[in-house]
Amino acid sequence: MLERTKRKPGLGTYNGTRAEWKEAWRLARVRKARGDGPDETGTNLEWKADLIVNYERQEPRYHSPACNLAARKIIEQILAEVGS
């Protein structure tokens, strides 16, 4: 039986074994380190790994969305006051 890897519920099952998925991640990280963008000519699994590696968040999320929204509103108010 093939071992399938799920990323998140609702996004479907990636069509590959764990070993294929790890290899796709390794290749994607190598391409990113070289400065290459995502390569759409690769397999479906490689393309997904490229997109995830190239566009993942650079820093972890420390605050809840509600906290981020409140901070953004405060920043916008300050900028509005400074700009007037």
PDB file of N, CA and C in Angstrom:
ATOM      1  N   MET A   1       0.842  -1.178   0.000  1.00  0.00           N
ATOM      2  CA  MET A   1       0.000   0.000   0.000  1.00  0.00           C
ATOM      3  C   MET A   1       0.887   1.241   0.000  1.00  0.00           C
ATOM      4  N   LEU A   2       0.581   2.196  -0.876  1.00  0.00           N
ATOM      5  CA  LEU A   2       1.345   3.432  -0.950  1.00  0.00           C
ATOM      6  C   LEU A   2       0.972   4.353   0.194  1.00  0.00           C
ATOM      7  N   GLU A   3       1.951   4.977   0.764  1.00  0.00           N
ATOM      8  CA  GLU A   3       1.712   5.927   1.835  1.00  0.00           C
ATOM      9  C   GLU A   3       1.462   7.292   1.206  1.00  0.00           C
ATOM     10  N   ARG A   4       0.343   7.891   1.471  1.00  0.00           N
ATOM     11  CA  ARG A   4      -0.016   9.199   0.916  1.00  0.00           C
ATOM     12  C   ARG A   4       0.196  10.269   1.979  1.00  0.00           C
ATOM     13  N   THR A   5       0.544  11.462   1.543  1.00  0.00           N
ATOM     14  CA  THR A   5       0.799  12.559   2.459  1.00  0.00           C
ATOM     15  C   THR A   5      -0.224  13.644   2.237  1.00  0.00           C
ATOM     16  N   LYS A   6      -0.922  14.045   3.276  1.00  0.00           N
ATOM     17  CA  LYS A   6      -1.880  15.135   3.180  1.00  0.00           C
ATOM     18  C   LYS A   6      -1.251  16.404   3.721  1.00  0.00           C
ATOM     19  N   ARG A   7      -1.486  17.532   3.048  1.00  0.00           N
ATOM     20  CA  ARG A   7      -0.973  18.804   3.534  1.00  0.00           C
ATOM     21  C   ARG A   7      -1.955  19.416   4.510  1.00  0.00           C
ATOM     22  N   LYS A   8      -3.168  19.689   4.050  1.00  0.00           N
ATOM     23  CA  LYS A   8      -4.208  20.244   4.900  1.00  0.00           C
ATOM     24  C   LYS A   8      -5.540  19.663   4.447  1.00  0.00           C
ATOM     25  N   PRO A   9      -6.496  19.542   5.349  1.00  0.00           N
ATOM     26  CA  PRO A   9      -7.799  19.068   4.931  1.00  0.00           C
ATOM     27  C   PRO A   9      -8.388  20.002   3.879  1.00  0.00           C
ATOM     28  N   GLY A  10      -8.997  19.444   2.879  1.00  0.00           N
ATOM     29  CA  GLY A  10      -9.620  20.251   1.842  1.00  0.00           C
ATOM     30  C   GLY A  10      -8.732  20.509   0.644  1.00  0.00           C
ATOM     31  N   LEU A  11      -7.446  20.287   0.763  1.00  0.00           N
ATOM     32  CA  LEU A  11      -6.547  20.516  -0.365  1.00  0.00           C
ATOM     33  C   LEU A  11      -6.267  19.238  -1.139  1.00  0.00           C
ATOM     34  N   GLY A  12      -6.772  18.120  -0.673  1.00  0.00           N
ATOM     35  CA  GLY A  12      -6.589  16.870  -1.397  1.00  0.00           C
ATOM     36  C   GLY A  12      -5.325  16.134  -0.989  1.00  0.00           C
ATOM     37  N   THR A  13      -5.152  14.968  -1.571  1.00  0.00           N
ATOM     38  CA  THR A  13      -3.994  14.132  -1.298  1.00  0.00           C
ATOM     39  C   THR A  13      -2.974  14.319  -2.395  1.00  0.00           C
ATOM     40  N   TYR A  14      -1.754  14.522  -2.045  1.00  0.00           N
ATOM     41  CA  TYR A  14      -0.695  14.646  -3.049  1.00  0.00           C
ATOM     42  C   TYR A  14      -0.438  13.267  -3.633  1.00  0.00           C
ATOM     43  N   ASN A  15      -0.244  13.208  -4.925  1.00  0.00           N
ATOM     44  CA  ASN A  15      -0.051  11.934  -5.607  1.00  0.00           C
ATOM     45  C   ASN A  15       1.408  11.527  -5.579  1.00  0.00           C
ATOM     46  N   GLY A  16       1.833  10.989  -4.474  1.00  0.00           N
ATOM     47  CA  GLY A  16       3.205  10.529  -4.344  1.00  0.00           C
ATOM     48  C   GLY A  16       3.443   9.905  -2.990  1.00  0.00           C
ATOM     49  N   THR A  17       4.476   9.113  -2.921  1.00  0.00           N
ATOM     50  CA  THR A  17       4.842   8.504  -1.641  1.00  0.00           C
ATOM     51  C   THR A  17       5.593   9.524  -0.800  1.00  0.00           C
ATOM     52  N   ARG A  18       5.826   9.176   0.429  1.00  0.00           N
ATOM     53  CA  ARG A  18       6.568  10.064   1.325  1.00  0.00           C
ATOM     54  C   ARG A  18       7.973  10.335   0.771  1.00  0.00           C
ATOM     55  N   ALA A  19       8.623   9.317   0.229  1.00  0.00           N
ATOM     56  CA  ALA A  19       9.966   9.481  -0.329  1.00  0.00           C
ATOM     57  C   ALA A  19       9.940  10.442  -1.528  1.00  0.00           C
ATOM     58  N   GLU A  20       8.935  10.316  -2.389  1.00  0.00           N
ATOM     59  CA  GLU A  20       8.825  11.231  -3.541  1.00  0.00           C
ATOM     60  C   GLU A  20       8.574  12.659  -3.082  1.00  0.00           C
ATOM     61  N   TRP A  21       7.767  12.807  -2.063  1.00  0.00           N
ATOM     62  CA  TRP A  21       7.457  14.124  -1.525  1.00  0.00           C
ATOM     63  C   TRP A  21       8.706  14.758  -0.916  1.00  0.00           C
ATOM     64  N   LYS A  22       9.475  13.987  -0.154  1.00  0.00           N
ATOM     65  CA  LYS A  22      10.715  14.509   0.439  1.00  0.00           C
ATOM     66  C   LYS A  22      11.712  14.912  -0.639  1.00  0.00           C
ATOM     67  N   GLU A  23      11.811  14.123  -1.704  1.00  0.00           N
ATOM     68  CA  GLU A  23      12.718  14.455  -2.812  1.00  0.00           C
ATOM     69  C   GLU A  23      12.269  15.742  -3.510  1.00  0.00           C
ATOM     70  N   ALA A  24      10.973  15.902  -3.689  1.00  0.00           N
ATOM     71  CA  ALA A  24      10.453  17.125  -4.312  1.00  0.00           C
ATOM     72  C   ALA A  24      10.768  18.341  -3.450  1.00  0.00           C
ATOM     73  N   TRP A  25      10.637  18.211  -2.136  1.00  0.00           N
ATOM     74  CA  TRP A  25      10.978  19.311  -1.222  1.00  0.00           C
ATOM     75  C   TRP A  25      12.465  19.643  -1.316  1.00  0.00           C
ATOM     76  N   ARG A  26      13.305  18.601  -1.351  1.00  0.00           N
ATOM     77  CA  ARG A  26      14.751  18.830  -1.429  1.00  0.00           C
ATOM     78  C   ARG A  26      15.097  19.582  -2.702  1.00  0.00           C
ATOM     79  N   LEU A  27      14.549  19.144  -3.834  1.00  0.00           N
ATOM     80  CA  LEU A  27      14.822  19.811  -5.109  1.00  0.00           C
ATOM     81  C   LEU A  27      14.309  21.250  -5.100  1.00  0.00           C
ATOM     82  N   ALA A  28      13.154  21.473  -4.502  1.00  0.00           N
ATOM     83  CA  ALA A  28      12.593  22.825  -4.439  1.00  0.00           C
ATOM     84  C   ALA A  28      13.482  23.744  -3.601  1.00  0.00           C
ATOM     85  N   ARG A  29      14.001  23.231  -2.485  1.00  0.00           N
ATOM     86  CA  ARG A  29      14.894  24.054  -1.650  1.00  0.00           C
ATOM     87  C   ARG A  29      16.206  24.359  -2.365  1.00  0.00           C
ATOM     88  N   VAL A  30      16.718  23.392  -3.141  1.00  0.00           N
ATOM     89  CA  VAL A  30      17.945  23.620  -3.907  1.00  0.00           C
ATOM     90  C   VAL A  30      17.707  24.703  -4.960  1.00  0.00           C
ATOM     91  N   ARG A  31      16.579  24.609  -5.680  1.00  0.00           N
ATOM     92  CA  ARG A  31      16.264  25.623  -6.700  1.00  0.00           C
ATOM     93  C   ARG A  31      16.102  26.998  -6.078  1.00  0.00           C
ATOM     94  N   LYS A  32      15.470  27.074  -4.912  1.00  0.00           N
ATOM     95  CA  LYS A  32      15.298  28.367  -4.246  1.00  0.00           C
ATOM     96  C   LYS A  32      16.646  28.938  -3.818  1.00  0.00           C
ATOM     97  N   ALA A  33      17.538  28.089  -3.302  1.00  0.00           N
ATOM     98  CA  ALA A  33      18.867  28.550  -2.875  1.00  0.00           C
ATOM     99  C   ALA A  33      19.673  29.085  -4.051  1.00  0.00           C
ATOM    100  N   ARG A  34      19.479  28.510  -5.243  1.00  0.00           N
ATOM    101  CA  ARG A  34      20.169  28.993  -6.444  1.00  0.00           C
ATOM    102  C   ARG A  34      19.559  30.284  -6.971  1.00  0.00           C
ATOM    103  N   GLY A  35      18.383  30.650  -6.456  1.00  0.00           N
ATOM    104  CA  GLY A  35      17.718  31.859  -6.910  1.00  0.00           C
ATOM    105  C   GLY A  35      16.736  31.618  -8.037  1.00  0.00           C
ATOM    106  N   ASP A  36      16.485  30.355  -8.352  1.00  0.00           N
ATOM    107  CA  ASP A  36      15.516  30.032  -9.396  1.00  0.00           C
ATOM    108  C   ASP A  36      14.109  30.112  -8.809  1.00  0.00           C
ATOM    109  N   GLY A  37      13.176  30.557  -9.624  1.00  0.00           N
ATOM    110  CA  GLY A  37      11.780  30.579  -9.197  1.00  0.00           C
ATOM    111  C   GLY A  37      11.163  29.205  -9.373  1.00  0.00           C
ATOM    112  N   PRO A  38       9.864  29.089  -9.086  1.00  0.00           N
ATOM    113  CA  PRO A  38       9.179  27.810  -9.273  1.00  0.00           C
ATOM    114  C   PRO A  38       9.258  27.350 -10.729  1.00  0.00           C
ATOM    115  N   ASP A  39       9.440  26.047 -10.914  1.00  0.00           N
ATOM    116  CA  ASP A  39       9.582  25.468 -12.254  1.00  0.00           C
ATOM    117  C   ASP A  39       8.315  24.705 -12.607  1.00  0.00           C
ATOM    118  N   GLU A  40       7.495  25.288 -13.482  1.00  0.00           N
ATOM    119  CA  GLU A  40       6.226  24.661 -13.833  1.00  0.00           C
ATOM    120  C   GLU A  40       6.374  23.475 -14.764  1.00  0.00           C
ATOM    121  N   THR A  41       7.575  23.203 -15.255  1.00  0.00           N
ATOM    122  CA  THR A  41       7.781  22.075 -16.166  1.00  0.00           C
ATOM    123  C   THR A  41       7.982  20.758 -15.420  1.00  0.00           C
ATOM    124  N   GLY A  42       8.136  20.800 -14.106  1.00  0.00           N
ATOM    125  CA  GLY A  42       8.330  19.578 -13.324  1.00  0.00           C
ATOM    126  C   GLY A  42       7.028  18.817 -13.164  1.00  0.00           C
ATOM    127  N   THR A  43       7.088  17.739 -12.417  1.00  0.00           N
ATOM    128  CA  THR A  43       5.881  16.963 -12.155  1.00  0.00           C
ATOM    129  C   THR A  43       4.945  17.775 -11.267  1.00  0.00           C
ATOM    130  N   ASN A  44       3.716  17.315 -11.167  1.00  0.00           N
ATOM    131  CA  ASN A  44       2.731  18.001 -10.343  1.00  0.00           C
ATOM    132  C   ASN A  44       3.217  18.126  -8.901  1.00  0.00           C
ATOM    133  N   LEU A  45       3.819  17.077  -8.385  1.00  0.00           N
ATOM    134  CA  LEU A  45       4.322  17.087  -7.016  1.00  0.00           C
ATOM    135  C   LEU A  45       5.466  18.095  -6.856  1.00  0.00           C
ATOM    136  N   GLU A  46       6.389  18.127  -7.822  1.00  0.00           N
ATOM    137  CA  GLU A  46       7.503  19.085  -7.771  1.00  0.00           C
ATOM    138  C   GLU A  46       6.998  20.520  -7.860  1.00  0.00           C
ATOM    139  N   TRP A  47       5.989  20.757  -8.693  1.00  0.00           N
ATOM    140  CA  TRP A  47       5.424  22.101  -8.848  1.00  0.00           C
ATOM    141  C   TRP A  47       4.808  22.562  -7.531  1.00  0.00           C
ATOM    142  N   LYS A  48       4.055  21.687  -6.859  1.00  0.00           N
ATOM    143  CA  LYS A  48       3.450  22.044  -5.577  1.00  0.00           C
ATOM    144  C   LYS A  48       4.529  22.326  -4.539  1.00  0.00           C
ATOM    145  N   ALA A  49       5.560  21.505  -4.500  1.00  0.00           N
ATOM    146  CA  ALA A  49       6.650  21.724  -3.545  1.00  0.00           C
ATOM    147  C   ALA A  49       7.357  23.046  -3.836  1.00  0.00           C
ATOM    148  N   ASP A  50       7.589  23.353  -5.112  1.00  0.00           N
ATOM    149  CA  ASP A  50       8.211  24.628  -5.491  1.00  0.00           C
ATOM    150  C   ASP A  50       7.391  25.813  -5.003  1.00  0.00           C
ATOM    151  N   LEU A  51       6.096  25.765  -5.225  1.00  0.00           N
ATOM    152  CA  LEU A  51       5.238  26.874  -4.804  1.00  0.00           C
ATOM    153  C   LEU A  51       5.246  27.051  -3.296  1.00  0.00           C
ATOM    154  N   ILE A  52       5.171  25.955  -2.568  1.00  0.00           N
ATOM    155  CA  ILE A  52       5.150  26.041  -1.114  1.00  0.00           C
ATOM    156  C   ILE A  52       6.478  26.561  -0.582  1.00  0.00           C
ATOM    157  N   VAL A  53       7.593  26.041  -1.093  1.00  0.00           N
ATOM    158  CA  VAL A  53       8.911  26.457  -0.616  1.00  0.00           C
ATOM    159  C   VAL A  53       9.179  27.919  -0.955  1.00  0.00           C
ATOM    160  N   ASN A  54       8.816  28.355  -2.159  1.00  0.00           N
ATOM    161  CA  ASN A  54       9.123  29.723  -2.582  1.00  0.00           C
ATOM    162  C   ASN A  54       8.226  30.775  -1.953  1.00  0.00           C
ATOM    163  N   TYR A  55       7.012  30.407  -1.583  1.00  0.00           N
ATOM    164  CA  TYR A  55       6.080  31.412  -1.089  1.00  0.00           C
ATOM    165  C   TYR A  55       5.644  31.195   0.345  1.00  0.00           C
ATOM    166  N   GLU A  56       6.361  30.355   1.099  1.00  0.00           N
ATOM    167  CA  GLU A  56       6.003  30.170   2.499  1.00  0.00           C
ATOM    168  C   GLU A  56       6.389  31.413   3.287  1.00  0.00           C
ATOM    169  N   ARG A  57       5.744  31.599   4.419  1.00  0.00           N
ATOM    170  CA  ARG A  57       6.020  32.769   5.258  1.00  0.00           C
ATOM    171  C   ARG A  57       7.455  32.709   5.772  1.00  0.00           C
ATOM    172  N   GLN A  58       8.108  33.837   5.817  1.00  0.00           N
ATOM    173  CA  GLN A  58       9.494  33.896   6.275  1.00  0.00           C
ATOM    174  C   GLN A  58       9.599  33.872   7.796  1.00  0.00           C
ATOM    175  N   GLU A  59       8.577  34.341   8.480  1.00  0.00           N
ATOM    176  CA  GLU A  59       8.614  34.357   9.931  1.00  0.00           C
ATOM    177  C   GLU A  59       7.339  33.723  10.472  1.00  0.00           C
ATOM    178  N   PRO A  60       7.419  33.084  11.601  1.00  0.00           N
ATOM    179  CA  PRO A  60       6.220  32.442  12.146  1.00  0.00           C
ATOM    180  C   PRO A  60       5.187  33.468  12.581  1.00  0.00           C
ATOM    181  N   ARG A  61       3.945  33.064  12.592  1.00  0.00           N
ATOM    182  CA  ARG A  61       2.863  33.948  13.009  1.00  0.00           C
ATOM    183  C   ARG A  61       2.741  33.853  14.531  1.00  0.00           C
ATOM    184  N   TYR A  62       2.941  34.973  15.209  1.00  0.00           N
ATOM    185  CA  TYR A  62       2.910  34.973  16.666  1.00  0.00           C
ATOM    186  C   TYR A  62       1.581  35.449  17.229  1.00  0.00           C
ATOM    187  N   HIS A  63       0.817  36.187  16.440  1.00  0.00           N
ATOM    188  CA  HIS A  63      -0.413  36.788  16.942  1.00  0.00           C
ATOM    189  C   HIS A  63      -1.619  36.263  16.185  1.00  0.00           C
ATOM    190  N   SER A  64      -2.753  36.340  16.823  1.00  0.00           N
ATOM    191  CA  SER A  64      -3.992  35.893  16.200  1.00  0.00           C
ATOM    192  C   SER A  64      -4.404  36.891  15.116  1.00  0.00           C
ATOM    193  N   PRO A  65      -5.240  36.488  14.180  1.00  0.00           N
ATOM    194  CA  PRO A  65      -5.727  37.423  13.152  1.00  0.00           C
ATOM    195  C   PRO A  65      -6.431  38.633  13.762  1.00  0.00           C
ATOM    196  N   ALA A  66      -7.170  38.435  14.849  1.00  0.00           N
ATOM    197  CA  ALA A  66      -7.855  39.558  15.486  1.00  0.00           C
ATOM    198  C   ALA A  66      -6.848  40.569  16.042  1.00  0.00           C
ATOM    199  N   CYS A  67      -5.766  40.074  16.613  1.00  0.00           N
ATOM    200  CA  CYS A  67      -4.720  40.945  17.147  1.00  0.00           C
ATOM    201  C   CYS A  67      -4.024  41.704  16.008  1.00  0.00           C
ATOM    202  N   ASN A  68      -3.754  41.011  14.904  1.00  0.00           N
ATOM    203  CA  ASN A  68      -3.136  41.666  13.750  1.00  0.00           C
ATOM    204  C   ASN A  68      -4.044  42.749  13.173  1.00  0.00           C
ATOM    205  N   LEU A  69      -5.352  42.490  13.114  1.00  0.00           N
ATOM    206  CA  LEU A  69      -6.299  43.474  12.600  1.00  0.00           C
ATOM    207  C   LEU A  69      -6.350  44.702  13.499  1.00  0.00           C
ATOM    208  N   ALA A  70      -6.365  44.496  14.812  1.00  0.00           N
ATOM    209  CA  ALA A  70      -6.368  45.622  15.750  1.00  0.00           C
ATOM    210  C   ALA A  70      -5.094  46.449  15.603  1.00  0.00           C
ATOM    211  N   ALA A  71      -3.957  45.798  15.449  1.00  0.00           N
ATOM    212  CA  ALA A  71      -2.697  46.516  15.267  1.00  0.00           C
ATOM    213  C   ALA A  71      -2.707  47.310  13.966  1.00  0.00           C
ATOM    214  N   ARG A  72      -3.237  46.726  12.902  1.00  0.00           N
ATOM    215  CA  ARG A  72      -3.293  47.429  11.616  1.00  0.00           C
ATOM    216  C   ARG A  72      -4.175  48.670  11.707  1.00  0.00           C
ATOM    217  N   LYS A  73      -5.314  48.572  12.425  1.00  0.00           N
ATOM    218  CA  LYS A  73      -6.207  49.729  12.588  1.00  0.00           C
ATOM    219  C   LYS A  73      -5.504  50.847  13.345  1.00  0.00           C
ATOM    220  N   ILE A  74      -4.770  50.496  14.387  1.00  0.00           N
ATOM    221  CA  ILE A  74      -4.043  51.508  15.161  1.00  0.00           C
ATOM    222  C   ILE A  74      -2.982  52.179  14.291  1.00  0.00           C
ATOM    223  N   ILE A  75      -2.253  51.395  13.509  1.00  0.00           N
ATOM    224  CA  ILE A  75      -1.218  51.958  12.628  1.00  0.00           C
ATOM    225  C   ILE A  75      -1.841  52.896  11.610  1.00  0.00           C
ATOM    226  N   GLU A  76      -2.980  52.511  11.039  1.00  0.00           N
ATOM    227  CA  GLU A  76      -3.659  53.369  10.050  1.00  0.00           C
ATOM    228  C   GLU A  76      -4.129  54.665  10.682  1.00  0.00           C
ATOM    229  N   GLN A  77      -4.625  54.615  11.946  1.00  0.00           N
ATOM    230  CA  GLN A  77      -5.042  55.829  12.639  1.00  0.00           C
ATOM    231  C   GLN A  77      -3.863  56.756  12.878  1.00  0.00           C
ATOM    232  N   ILE A  78      -2.745  56.196  13.287  1.00  0.00           N
ATOM    233  CA  ILE A  78      -1.547  57.016  13.545  1.00  0.00           C
ATOM    234  C   ILE A  78      -1.075  57.657  12.248  1.00  0.00           C
ATOM    235  N   LEU A  79      -1.027  56.891  11.171  1.00  0.00           N
ATOM    236  CA  LEU A  79      -0.594  57.442   9.889  1.00  0.00           C
ATOM    237  C   LEU A  79      -1.544  58.512   9.389  1.00  0.00           C
ATOM    238  N   ALA A  80      -2.830  58.341   9.623  1.00  0.00           N
ATOM    239  CA  ALA A  80      -3.811  59.360   9.223  1.00  0.00           C
ATOM    240  C   ALA A  80      -3.600  60.656   9.989  1.00  0.00           C
ATOM    241  N   GLU A  81      -3.308  60.553  11.302  1.00  0.00           N
ATOM    242  CA  GLU A  81      -3.060  61.742  12.111  1.00  0.00           C
ATOM    243  C   GLU A  81      -1.768  62.438  11.706  1.00  0.00           C
ATOM    244  N   VAL A  82      -0.753  61.686  11.398  1.00  0.00           N
ATOM    245  CA  VAL A  82       0.531  62.258  11.005  1.00  0.00           C
ATOM    246  C   VAL A  82       0.430  62.908   9.637  1.00  0.00           C
ATOM    247  N   GLY A  83      -0.350  62.303   8.763  1.00  0.00           N
ATOM    248  CA  GLY A  83      -0.492  62.829   7.404  1.00  0.00           C
ATOM    249  C   GLY A  83      -1.344  64.083   7.310  1.00  0.00           C
ATOM    250  N   SER A  84      -2.179  64.372   8.346  1.00  0.00           N
ATOM    251  CA  SER A  84      -3.032  65.560   8.257  1.00  0.00           C
ATOM    252  C   SER A  84      -2.397  66.808   8.766  1.00  0.00           C
TER     253      SER A  84
END
